[in-house]
């Protein structure tokens, strides 16, 4: 051959071998797929619940396992409880218009 040297195709480009590049692409595809799965699960679980409008004139009843923080009166002042309490199933929730006005 003449003075020019023929090089075989290099397995490295910019210091990274083809195997490393393929591994990086594969891991990015796996990460992207995992993120899509997480996003789809979050969307699906959010769509499973629904919001129901309850008009002012309609009281509601407590369902099973209602653990909530409640307001109670302390020295005439409505105070939010520090801990959640369990409200028994079947108790009623009523809008403020059903309750006698504060003294």
PDB file of N, CA and C in Angstrom:
ATOM      1  N   UNK A   1       0.824  -1.163   0.000  1.00  0.00           N
ATOM      2  CA  UNK A   1       0.000   0.000   0.000  1.00  0.00           C
ATOM      3  C   UNK A   1       0.872   1.230   0.000  1.00  0.00           C
ATOM      4  N   UNK A   2       0.312   2.281  -0.440  1.00  0.00           N
ATOM      5  CA  UNK A   2       1.077   3.516  -0.492  1.00  0.00           C
ATOM      6  C   UNK A   2       1.199   4.103   0.899  1.00  0.00           C
ATOM      7  N   UNK A   3       1.650   5.313   1.013  1.00  0.00           N
ATOM      8  CA  UNK A   3       1.940   5.932   2.282  1.00  0.00           C
ATOM      9  C   UNK A   3       0.734   6.127   3.182  1.00  0.00           C
ATOM     10  N   UNK A   4      -0.466   6.053   2.664  1.00  0.00           N
ATOM     11  CA  UNK A   4      -1.634   6.257   3.529  1.00  0.00           C
ATOM     12  C   UNK A   4      -1.927   4.975   4.294  1.00  0.00           C
ATOM     13  N   UNK A   5      -2.344   5.142   5.505  1.00  0.00           N
ATOM     14  CA  UNK A   5      -2.669   3.954   6.299  1.00  0.00           C
ATOM     15  C   UNK A   5      -4.178   3.812   6.357  1.00  0.00           C
ATOM     16  N   UNK A   6      -4.625   2.625   6.080  1.00  0.00           N
ATOM     17  CA  UNK A   6      -6.061   2.355   6.181  1.00  0.00           C
ATOM     18  C   UNK A   6      -6.349   1.893   7.597  1.00  0.00           C
ATOM     19  N   UNK A   7      -7.304   2.520   8.223  1.00  0.00           N
ATOM     20  CA  UNK A   7      -7.657   2.152   9.586  1.00  0.00           C
ATOM     21  C   UNK A   7      -8.936   1.329   9.560  1.00  0.00           C
ATOM     22  N   UNK A   8      -8.972   0.360  10.409  1.00  0.00           N
ATOM     23  CA  UNK A   8     -10.214  -0.395  10.538  1.00  0.00           C
ATOM     24  C   UNK A   8     -11.195   0.461  11.330  1.00  0.00           C
ATOM     25  N   UNK A   9     -12.489   0.210  11.173  1.00  0.00           N
ATOM     26  CA  UNK A   9     -13.459   1.013  11.922  1.00  0.00           C
ATOM     27  C   UNK A   9     -13.165   0.938  13.417  1.00  0.00           C
ATOM     28  N   UNK A  10     -13.109   2.088  14.030  1.00  0.00           N
ATOM     29  CA  UNK A  10     -12.776   2.152  15.442  1.00  0.00           C
ATOM     30  C   UNK A  10     -13.999   1.822  16.290  1.00  0.00           C
ATOM     31  N   UNK A  11     -13.757   1.128  17.367  1.00  0.00           N
ATOM     32  CA  UNK A  11     -14.825   0.828  18.300  1.00  0.00           C
ATOM     33  C   UNK A  11     -14.992   1.941  19.324  1.00  0.00           C
ATOM     34  N   UNK A  12     -14.121   2.925  19.241  1.00  0.00           N
ATOM     35  CA  UNK A  12     -14.258   4.008  20.217  1.00  0.00           C
ATOM     36  C   UNK A  12     -14.487   5.320  19.483  1.00  0.00           C
ATOM     37  N   UNK A  13     -15.229   6.158  20.126  1.00  0.00           N
ATOM     38  CA  UNK A  13     -15.499   7.476  19.573  1.00  0.00           C
ATOM     39  C   UNK A  13     -15.574   8.434  20.741  1.00  0.00           C
ATOM     40  N   UNK A  14     -14.644   9.322  20.811  1.00  0.00           N
ATOM     41  CA  UNK A  14     -14.641  10.266  21.915  1.00  0.00           C
ATOM     42  C   UNK A  14     -14.352   9.605  23.242  1.00  0.00           C
ATOM     43  N   UNK A  15     -13.651   8.505  23.261  1.00  0.00           N
ATOM     44  CA  UNK A  15     -13.286   7.850  24.506  1.00  0.00           C
ATOM     45  C   UNK A  15     -14.278   6.799  24.967  1.00  0.00           C
ATOM     46  N   UNK A  16     -15.466   6.731  24.383  1.00  0.00           N
ATOM     47  CA  UNK A  16     -16.454   5.731  24.779  1.00  0.00           C
ATOM     48  C   UNK A  16     -16.518   4.634  23.733  1.00  0.00           C
ATOM     49  N   UNK A  17     -16.532   3.414  24.165  1.00  0.00           N
ATOM     50  CA  UNK A  17     -16.660   2.318  23.214  1.00  0.00           C
ATOM     51  C   UNK A  17     -18.112   2.168  22.812  1.00  0.00           C
ATOM     52  N   UNK A  18     -18.323   1.458  21.732  1.00  0.00           N
ATOM     53  CA  UNK A  18     -19.685   1.235  21.247  1.00  0.00           C
ATOM     54  C   UNK A  18     -20.489   0.486  22.289  1.00  0.00           C
ATOM     55  N   UNK A  19     -19.857  -0.448  22.980  1.00  0.00           N
ATOM     56  CA  UNK A  19     -20.561  -1.215  24.005  1.00  0.00           C
ATOM     57  C   UNK A  19     -21.064  -0.295  25.123  1.00  0.00           C
ATOM     58  N   UNK A  20     -20.222   0.666  25.526  1.00  0.00           N
ATOM     59  CA  UNK A  20     -20.638   1.604  26.559  1.00  0.00           C
ATOM     60  C   UNK A  20     -21.780   2.480  26.072  1.00  0.00           C
ATOM     61  N   UNK A  21     -21.716   2.910  24.821  1.00  0.00           N
ATOM     62  CA  UNK A  21     -22.788   3.741  24.268  1.00  0.00           C
ATOM     63  C   UNK A  21     -24.100   2.959  24.210  1.00  0.00           C
ATOM     64  N   UNK A  22     -24.027   1.700  23.790  1.00  0.00           N
ATOM     65  CA  UNK A  22     -25.239   0.883  23.739  1.00  0.00           C
ATOM     66  C   UNK A  22     -25.807   0.666  25.137  1.00  0.00           C
ATOM     67  N   UNK A  23     -24.931   0.459  26.116  1.00  0.00           N
ATOM     68  CA  UNK A  23     -25.395   0.280  27.491  1.00  0.00           C
ATOM     69  C   UNK A  23     -26.060   1.560  28.000  1.00  0.00           C
ATOM     70  N   UNK A  24     -25.506   2.711  27.665  1.00  0.00           N
ATOM     71  CA  UNK A  24     -26.091   3.981  28.094  1.00  0.00           C
ATOM     72  C   UNK A  24     -27.461   4.188  27.455  1.00  0.00           C
ATOM     73  N   UNK A  25     -27.568   3.883  26.167  1.00  0.00           N
ATOM     74  CA  UNK A  25     -28.854   4.024  25.472  1.00  0.00           C
ATOM     75  C   UNK A  25     -29.870   3.064  26.074  1.00  0.00           C
ATOM     76  N   UNK A  26     -29.450   1.837  26.347  1.00  0.00           N
ATOM     77  CA  UNK A  26     -30.352   0.840  26.914  1.00  0.00           C
ATOM     78  C   UNK A  26     -30.838   1.272  28.296  1.00  0.00           C
ATOM     79  N   UNK A  27     -29.938   1.782  29.127  1.00  0.00           N
ATOM     80  CA  UNK A  27     -30.353   2.214  30.459  1.00  0.00           C
ATOM     81  C   UNK A  27     -31.280   3.434  30.384  1.00  0.00           C
ATOM     82  N   UNK A  28     -31.054   4.333  29.420  1.00  0.00           N
ATOM     83  CA  UNK A  28     -31.953   5.472  29.246  1.00  0.00           C
ATOM     84  C   UNK A  28     -33.338   5.006  28.798  1.00  0.00           C
ATOM     85  N   UNK A  29     -33.390   4.005  27.922  1.00  0.00           N
ATOM     86  CA  UNK A  29     -34.680   3.467  27.491  1.00  0.00           C
ATOM     87  C   UNK A  29     -35.415   2.808  28.656  1.00  0.00           C
ATOM     88  N   UNK A  30     -34.684   2.082  29.488  1.00  0.00           N
ATOM     89  CA  UNK A  30     -35.304   1.441  30.653  1.00  0.00           C
ATOM     90  C   UNK A  30     -35.818   2.503  31.620  1.00  0.00           C
ATOM     91  N   UNK A  31     -35.016   3.536  31.865  1.00  0.00           N
ATOM     92  CA  UNK A  31     -35.430   4.612  32.757  1.00  0.00           C
ATOM     93  C   UNK A  31     -36.664   5.342  32.211  1.00  0.00           C
ATOM     94  N   UNK A  32     -36.659   5.621  30.914  1.00  0.00           N
ATOM     95  CA  UNK A  32     -37.808   6.282  30.291  1.00  0.00           C
ATOM     96  C   UNK A  32     -39.054   5.413  30.406  1.00  0.00           C
ATOM     97  N   UNK A  33     -38.917   4.111  30.154  1.00  0.00           N
ATOM     98  CA  UNK A  33     -40.044   3.196  30.282  1.00  0.00           C
ATOM     99  C   UNK A  33     -40.572   3.142  31.699  1.00  0.00           C
ATOM    100  N   UNK A  34     -39.661   3.113  32.674  1.00  0.00           N
ATOM    101  CA  UNK A  34     -40.074   3.076  34.078  1.00  0.00           C
ATOM    102  C   UNK A  34     -40.815   4.358  34.453  1.00  0.00           C
ATOM    103  N   UNK A  35     -40.332   5.503  33.983  1.00  0.00           N
ATOM    104  CA  UNK A  35     -41.019   6.760  34.275  1.00  0.00           C
ATOM    105  C   UNK A  35     -42.407   6.799  33.650  1.00  0.00           C
ATOM    106  N   UNK A  36     -42.552   6.267  32.444  1.00  0.00           N
ATOM    107  CA  UNK A  36     -43.871   6.208  31.807  1.00  0.00           C
ATOM    108  C   UNK A  36     -44.820   5.325  32.610  1.00  0.00           C
ATOM    109  N   UNK A  37     -44.301   4.199  33.120  1.00  0.00           N
ATOM    110  CA  UNK A  37     -45.141   3.294  33.914  1.00  0.00           C
ATOM    111  C   UNK A  37     -45.589   3.983  35.199  1.00  0.00           C
ATOM    112  N   UNK A  38     -44.672   4.679  35.871  1.00  0.00           N
ATOM    113  CA  UNK A  38     -45.024   5.398  37.092  1.00  0.00           C
ATOM    114  C   UNK A  38     -46.067   6.481  36.794  1.00  0.00           C
ATOM    115  N   UNK A  39     -45.867   7.215  35.710  1.00  0.00           N
ATOM    116  CA  UNK A  39     -46.824   8.264  35.346  1.00  0.00           C
ATOM    117  C   UNK A  39     -48.197   7.673  35.018  1.00  0.00           C
ATOM    118  N   UNK A  40     -48.212   6.551  34.314  1.00  0.00           N
ATOM    119  CA  UNK A  40     -49.487   5.913  33.968  1.00  0.00           C
ATOM    120  C   UNK A  40     -50.205   5.424  35.218  1.00  0.00           C
ATOM    121  N   UNK A  41     -49.457   4.858  36.171  1.00  0.00           N
ATOM    122  CA  UNK A  41     -50.081   4.406  37.421  1.00  0.00           C
ATOM    123  C   UNK A  41     -50.630   5.583  38.220  1.00  0.00           C
ATOM    124  N   UNK A  42     -49.895   6.667  38.269  1.00  0.00           N
ATOM    125  CA  UNK A  42     -50.373   7.850  38.990  1.00  0.00           C
ATOM    126  C   UNK A  42     -51.641   8.397  38.340  1.00  0.00           C
ATOM    127  N   UNK A  43     -51.661   8.435  37.022  1.00  0.00           N
ATOM    128  CA  UNK A  43     -52.845   8.917  36.311  1.00  0.00           C
ATOM    129  C   UNK A  43     -54.028   7.992  36.550  1.00  0.00           C
ATOM    130  N   UNK A  44     -53.788   6.685  36.471  1.00  0.00           N
ATOM    131  CA  UNK A  44     -54.876   5.717  36.641  1.00  0.00           C
ATOM    132  C   UNK A  44     -55.439   5.768  38.057  1.00  0.00           C
ATOM    133  N   UNK A  45     -54.580   5.914  39.055  1.00  0.00           N
ATOM    134  CA  UNK A  45     -55.092   5.959  40.422  1.00  0.00           C
ATOM    135  C   UNK A  45     -55.846   7.261  40.678  1.00  0.00           C
ATOM    136  N   UNK A  46     -55.435   8.334  40.038  1.00  0.00           N
ATOM    137  CA  UNK A  46     -56.144   9.599  40.182  1.00  0.00           C
ATOM    138  C   UNK A  46     -57.502   9.570  39.508  1.00  0.00           C
ATOM    139  N   UNK A  47     -57.633   8.806  38.458  1.00  0.00           N
ATOM    140  CA  UNK A  47     -58.905   8.720  37.743  1.00  0.00           C
ATOM    141  C   UNK A  47     -59.886   7.787  38.433  1.00  0.00           C
ATOM    142  N   UNK A  48     -59.389   6.972  39.355  1.00  0.00           N
ATOM    143  CA  UNK A  48     -60.265   6.023  40.032  1.00  0.00           C
ATOM    144  C   UNK A  48     -61.188   6.736  41.021  1.00  0.00           C
ATOM    145  N   UNK A  49     -60.754   7.876  41.538  1.00  0.00           N
ATOM    146  CA  UNK A  49     -61.603   8.593  42.480  1.00  0.00           C
ATOM    147  C   UNK A  49     -62.494   9.569  41.707  1.00  0.00           C
ATOM    148  N   UNK A  50     -63.535  10.019  42.362  1.00  0.00           N
ATOM    149  CA  UNK A  50     -64.415  10.976  41.716  1.00  0.00           C
ATOM    150  C   UNK A  50     -64.857  11.997  42.736  1.00  0.00           C
ATOM    151  N   UNK A  51     -65.249  13.136  42.253  1.00  0.00           N
ATOM    152  CA  UNK A  51     -65.731  14.202  43.102  1.00  0.00           C
ATOM    153  C   UNK A  51     -67.240  14.290  42.948  1.00  0.00           C
ATOM    154  N   UNK A  52     -67.916  14.369  44.073  1.00  0.00           N
ATOM    155  CA  UNK A  52     -69.374  14.448  44.059  1.00  0.00           C
ATOM    156  C   UNK A  52     -69.785  15.756  44.717  1.00  0.00           C
ATOM    157  N   UNK A  53     -70.612  16.515  44.032  1.00  0.00           N
ATOM    158  CA  UNK A  53     -71.114  17.774  44.580  1.00  0.00           C
ATOM    159  C   UNK A  53     -72.223  17.475  45.577  1.00  0.00           C
ATOM    160  N   UNK A  54     -72.075  18.021  46.775  1.00  0.00           N
ATOM    161  CA  UNK A  54     -73.111  17.861  47.795  1.00  0.00           C
ATOM    162  C   UNK A  54     -73.694  19.244  48.055  1.00  0.00           C
ATOM    163  N   UNK A  55     -74.958  19.456  47.734  1.00  0.00           N
ATOM    164  CA  UNK A  55     -75.552  20.778  47.919  1.00  0.00           C
ATOM    165  C   UNK A  55     -75.700  21.122  49.405  1.00  0.00           C
ATOM    166  N   UNK A  56     -75.842  22.389  49.678  1.00  0.00           N
ATOM    167  CA  UNK A  56     -75.976  22.911  51.052  1.00  0.00           C
ATOM    168  C   UNK A  56     -77.115  22.245  51.805  1.00  0.00           C
ATOM    169  N   UNK A  57     -78.195  21.935  51.119  1.00  0.00           N
ATOM    170  CA  UNK A  57     -79.353  21.384  51.835  1.00  0.00           C
ATOM    171  C   UNK A  57     -79.253  19.896  52.101  1.00  0.00           C
ATOM    172  N   UNK A  58     -78.156  19.273  51.778  1.00  0.00           N
ATOM    173  CA  UNK A  58     -78.052  17.821  51.901  1.00  0.00           C
ATOM    174  C   UNK A  58     -76.996  17.406  52.918  1.00  0.00           C
ATOM    175  N   UNK A  59     -77.417  16.925  54.094  1.00  0.00           N
ATOM    176  CA  UNK A  59     -76.420  16.402  55.033  1.00  0.00           C
ATOM    177  C   UNK A  59     -75.808  15.117  54.487  1.00  0.00           C
ATOM    178  N   UNK A  60     -74.666  14.743  55.025  1.00  0.00           N
ATOM    179  CA  UNK A  60     -73.983  13.508  54.601  1.00  0.00           C
ATOM    180  C   UNK A  60     -73.810  12.614  55.817  1.00  0.00           C
ATOM    181  N   UNK A  61     -73.574  11.323  55.569  1.00  0.00           N
ATOM    182  CA  UNK A  61     -73.294  10.383  56.659  1.00  0.00           C
ATOM    183  C   UNK A  61     -71.867   9.884  56.519  1.00  0.00           C
ATOM    184  N   UNK A  62     -71.241   9.653  57.659  1.00  0.00           N
ATOM    185  CA  UNK A  62     -69.861   9.155  57.694  1.00  0.00           C
ATOM    186  C   UNK A  62     -69.833   7.702  57.235  1.00  0.00           C
ATOM    187  N   UNK A  63     -68.853   7.393  56.405  1.00  0.00           N
ATOM    188  CA  UNK A  63     -68.641   6.022  55.948  1.00  0.00           C
ATOM    189  C   UNK A  63     -67.675   5.297  56.870  1.00  0.00           C
ATOM    190  N   UNK A  64     -67.236   4.116  56.461  1.00  0.00           N
ATOM    191  CA  UNK A  64     -66.324   3.344  57.309  1.00  0.00           C
ATOM    192  C   UNK A  64     -64.945   3.996  57.389  1.00  0.00           C
ATOM    193  N   UNK A  65     -64.319   3.843  58.540  1.00  0.00           N
ATOM    194  CA  UNK A  65     -62.943   4.287  58.808  1.00  0.00           C
ATOM    195  C   UNK A  65     -62.704   5.758  58.480  1.00  0.00           C
ATOM    196  N   UNK A  66     -63.456   6.629  59.098  1.00  0.00           N
ATOM    197  CA  UNK A  66     -63.270   8.066  58.906  1.00  0.00           C
ATOM    198  C   UNK A  66     -62.371   8.590  60.028  1.00  0.00           C
ATOM    199  N   UNK A  67     -61.083   8.709  59.737  1.00  0.00           N
ATOM    200  CA  UNK A  67     -60.125   9.273  60.688  1.00  0.00           C
ATOM    201  C   UNK A  67     -59.807  10.688  60.226  1.00  0.00           C
ATOM    202  N   UNK A  68     -60.223  11.689  61.003  1.00  0.00           N
ATOM    203  CA  UNK A  68     -60.077  13.083  60.585  1.00  0.00           C
ATOM    204  C   UNK A  68     -59.686  13.957  61.765  1.00  0.00           C
ATOM    205  N   UNK A  69     -59.136  15.126  61.449  1.00  0.00           N
ATOM    206  CA  UNK A  69     -58.938  16.164  62.456  1.00  0.00           C
ATOM    207  C   UNK A  69     -60.203  16.999  62.463  1.00  0.00           C
ATOM    208  N   UNK A  70     -60.622  17.396  63.635  1.00  0.00           N
ATOM    209  CA  UNK A  70     -61.881  18.125  63.766  1.00  0.00           C
ATOM    210  C   UNK A  70     -61.667  19.426  64.525  1.00  0.00           C
ATOM    211  N   UNK A  71     -62.596  20.361  64.333  1.00  0.00           N
ATOM    212  CA  UNK A  71     -62.611  21.581  65.138  1.00  0.00           C
ATOM    213  C   UNK A  71     -63.489  21.334  66.352  1.00  0.00           C
ATOM    214  N   UNK A  72     -63.052  21.792  67.500  1.00  0.00           N
ATOM    215  CA  UNK A  72     -63.842  21.721  68.717  1.00  0.00           C
ATOM    216  C   UNK A  72     -63.688  23.045  69.443  1.00  0.00           C
ATOM    217  N   UNK A  73     -64.624  23.319  70.338  1.00  0.00           N
ATOM    218  CA  UNK A  73     -64.600  24.612  71.026  1.00  0.00           C
ATOM    219  C   UNK A  73     -63.771  24.515  72.289  1.00  0.00           C
ATOM    220  N   UNK A  74     -62.817  25.425  72.419  1.00  0.00           N
ATOM    221  CA  UNK A  74     -62.010  25.551  73.633  1.00  0.00           C
ATOM    222  C   UNK A  74     -62.163  26.986  74.107  1.00  0.00           C
ATOM    223  N   UNK A  75     -62.811  27.152  75.239  1.00  0.00           N
ATOM    224  CA  UNK A  75     -63.068  28.487  75.796  1.00  0.00           C
ATOM    225  C   UNK A  75     -63.753  29.401  74.777  1.00  0.00           C
ATOM    226  N   UNK A  76     -64.722  28.847  74.052  1.00  0.00           N
ATOM    227  CA  UNK A  76     -65.489  29.632  73.099  1.00  0.00           C
ATOM    228  C   UNK A  76     -64.807  29.865  71.758  1.00  0.00           C
ATOM    229  N   UNK A  77     -63.636  29.264  71.534  1.00  0.00           N
ATOM    230  CA  UNK A  77     -62.894  29.457  70.285  1.00  0.00           C
ATOM    231  C   UNK A  77     -62.797  28.114  69.552  1.00  0.00           C
ATOM    232  N   UNK A  78     -63.123  28.116  68.257  1.00  0.00           N
ATOM    233  CA  UNK A  78     -62.996  26.896  67.458  1.00  0.00           C
ATOM    234  C   UNK A  78     -61.518  26.588  67.245  1.00  0.00           C
ATOM    235  N   UNK A  79     -61.091  25.394  67.678  1.00  0.00           N
ATOM    236  CA  UNK A  79     -59.686  24.992  67.632  1.00  0.00           C
ATOM    237  C   UNK A  79     -59.570  23.655  66.906  1.00  0.00           C
ATOM    238  N   UNK A  80     -58.622  23.567  65.988  1.00  0.00           N
ATOM    239  CA  UNK A  80     -58.394  22.326  65.245  1.00  0.00           C
ATOM    240  C   UNK A  80     -57.663  21.331  66.128  1.00  0.00           C
ATOM    241  N   UNK A  81     -58.158  20.095  66.153  1.00  0.00           N
ATOM    242  CA  UNK A  81     -57.514  19.067  66.971  1.00  0.00           C
ATOM    243  C   UNK A  81     -56.113  18.762  66.449  1.00  0.00           C
ATOM    244  N   UNK A  82     -55.215  18.424  67.366  1.00  0.00           N
ATOM    245  CA  UNK A  82     -53.844  18.105  66.962  1.00  0.00           C
ATOM    246  C   UNK A  82     -53.768  16.727  66.325  1.00  0.00           C
ATOM    247  N   UNK A  83     -54.579  15.814  66.798  1.00  0.00           N
ATOM    248  CA  UNK A  83     -54.549  14.441  66.292  1.00  0.00           C
ATOM    249  C   UNK A  83     -55.835  14.132  65.533  1.00  0.00           C
ATOM    250  N   UNK A  84     -55.749  13.157  64.659  1.00  0.00           N
ATOM    251  CA  UNK A  84     -56.948  12.679  63.968  1.00  0.00           C
ATOM    252  C   UNK A  84     -57.735  11.789  64.919  1.00  0.00           C
ATOM    253  N   UNK A  85     -59.037  11.870  64.825  1.00  0.00           N
ATOM    254  CA  UNK A  85     -59.902  11.006  65.624  1.00  0.00           C
ATOM    255  C   UNK A  85     -60.757  10.175  64.673  1.00  0.00           C
ATOM    256  N   UNK A  86     -61.223   9.051  65.147  1.00  0.00           N
ATOM    257  CA  UNK A  86     -62.113   8.216  64.330  1.00  0.00           C
ATOM    258  C   UNK A  86     -63.547   8.597  64.646  1.00  0.00           C
ATOM    259  N   UNK A  87     -64.287   8.973  63.600  1.00  0.00           N
ATOM    260  CA  UNK A  87     -65.702   9.292  63.755  1.00  0.00           C
ATOM    261  C   UNK A  87     -66.477   8.022  63.427  1.00  0.00           C
ATOM    262  N   UNK A  88     -67.400   7.624  64.288  1.00  0.00           N
ATOM    263  CA  UNK A  88     -68.129   6.377  64.056  1.00  0.00           C
ATOM    264  C   UNK A  88     -68.937   6.402  62.756  1.00  0.00           C
ATOM    265  N   UNK A  89     -68.965   5.287  62.098  1.00  0.00           N
ATOM    266  CA  UNK A  89     -69.738   5.151  60.861  1.00  0.00           C
ATOM    267  C   UNK A  89     -71.209   5.431  61.146  1.00  0.00           C
ATOM    268  N   UNK A  90     -71.851   6.192  60.261  1.00  0.00           N
ATOM    269  CA  UNK A  90     -73.267   6.495  60.408  1.00  0.00           C
ATOM    270  C   UNK A  90     -73.544   7.867  60.983  1.00  0.00           C
ATOM    271  N   UNK A  91     -72.553   8.501  61.606  1.00  0.00           N
ATOM    272  CA  UNK A  91     -72.762   9.859  62.099  1.00  0.00           C
ATOM    273  C   UNK A  91     -72.988  10.793  60.926  1.00  0.00           C
ATOM    274  N   UNK A  92     -73.658  11.898  61.186  1.00  0.00           N
ATOM    275  CA  UNK A  92     -73.989  12.856  60.136  1.00  0.00           C
ATOM    276  C   UNK A  92     -73.006  14.018  60.092  1.00  0.00           C
ATOM    277  N   UNK A  93     -72.752  14.488  58.875  1.00  0.00           N
ATOM    278  CA  UNK A  93     -72.050  15.745  58.642  1.00  0.00           C
ATOM    279  C   UNK A  93     -73.103  16.715  58.135  1.00  0.00           C
ATOM    280  N   UNK A  94     -73.157  17.875  58.746  1.00  0.00           N
ATOM    281  CA  UNK A  94     -74.148  18.858  58.311  1.00  0.00           C
ATOM    282  C   UNK A  94     -73.438  20.167  57.993  1.00  0.00           C
ATOM    283  N   UNK A  95     -73.972  20.950  57.072  1.00  0.00           N
ATOM    284  CA  UNK A  95     -73.382  22.255  56.767  1.00  0.00           C
ATOM    285  C   UNK A  95     -73.603  23.213  57.925  1.00  0.00           C
ATOM    286  N   UNK A  96     -72.821  24.278  57.993  1.00  0.00           N
ATOM    287  CA  UNK A  96     -72.956  25.239  59.099  1.00  0.00           C
ATOM    288  C   UNK A  96     -74.356  25.836  59.245  1.00  0.00           C
ATOM    289  N   UNK A  97     -75.111  25.910  58.165  1.00  0.00           N
ATOM    290  CA  UNK A  97     -76.453  26.501  58.270  1.00  0.00           C
ATOM    291  C   UNK A  97     -77.385  25.631  59.121  1.00  0.00           C
ATOM    292  N   UNK A  98     -77.044  24.355  59.355  1.00  0.00           N
ATOM    293  CA  UNK A  98     -77.852  23.467  60.180  1.00  0.00           C
ATOM    294  C   UNK A  98     -77.571  23.671  61.679  1.00  0.00           C
ATOM    295  N   UNK A  99     -76.507  24.373  62.001  1.00  0.00           N
ATOM    296  CA  UNK A  99     -76.063  24.497  63.380  1.00  0.00           C
ATOM    297  C   UNK A  99     -76.448  25.869  63.916  1.00  0.00           C
ATOM    298  N   UNK A 100     -76.845  25.884  65.191  1.00  0.00           N
ATOM    299  CA  UNK A 100     -77.202  27.143  65.842  1.00  0.00           C
ATOM    300  C   UNK A 100     -76.004  28.090  65.819  1.00  0.00           C
ATOM    301  N   UNK A 101     -76.246  29.342  65.574  1.00  0.00           N
ATOM    302  CA  UNK A 101     -75.179  30.335  65.489  1.00  0.00           C
ATOM    303  C   UNK A 101     -74.391  30.419  66.790  1.00  0.00           C
ATOM    304  N   UNK A 102     -73.134  30.807  66.665  1.00  0.00           N
ATOM    305  CA  UNK A 102     -72.264  30.982  67.839  1.00  0.00           C
ATOM    306  C   UNK A 102     -72.840  32.086  68.725  1.00  0.00           C
ATOM    307  N   UNK A 103     -72.735  31.926  70.049  1.00  0.00           N
ATOM    308  CA  UNK A 103     -73.262  32.968  70.963  1.00  0.00           C
ATOM    309  C   UNK A 103     -72.438  34.237  70.892  1.00  0.00           C
TER     310      UNK A 103
END
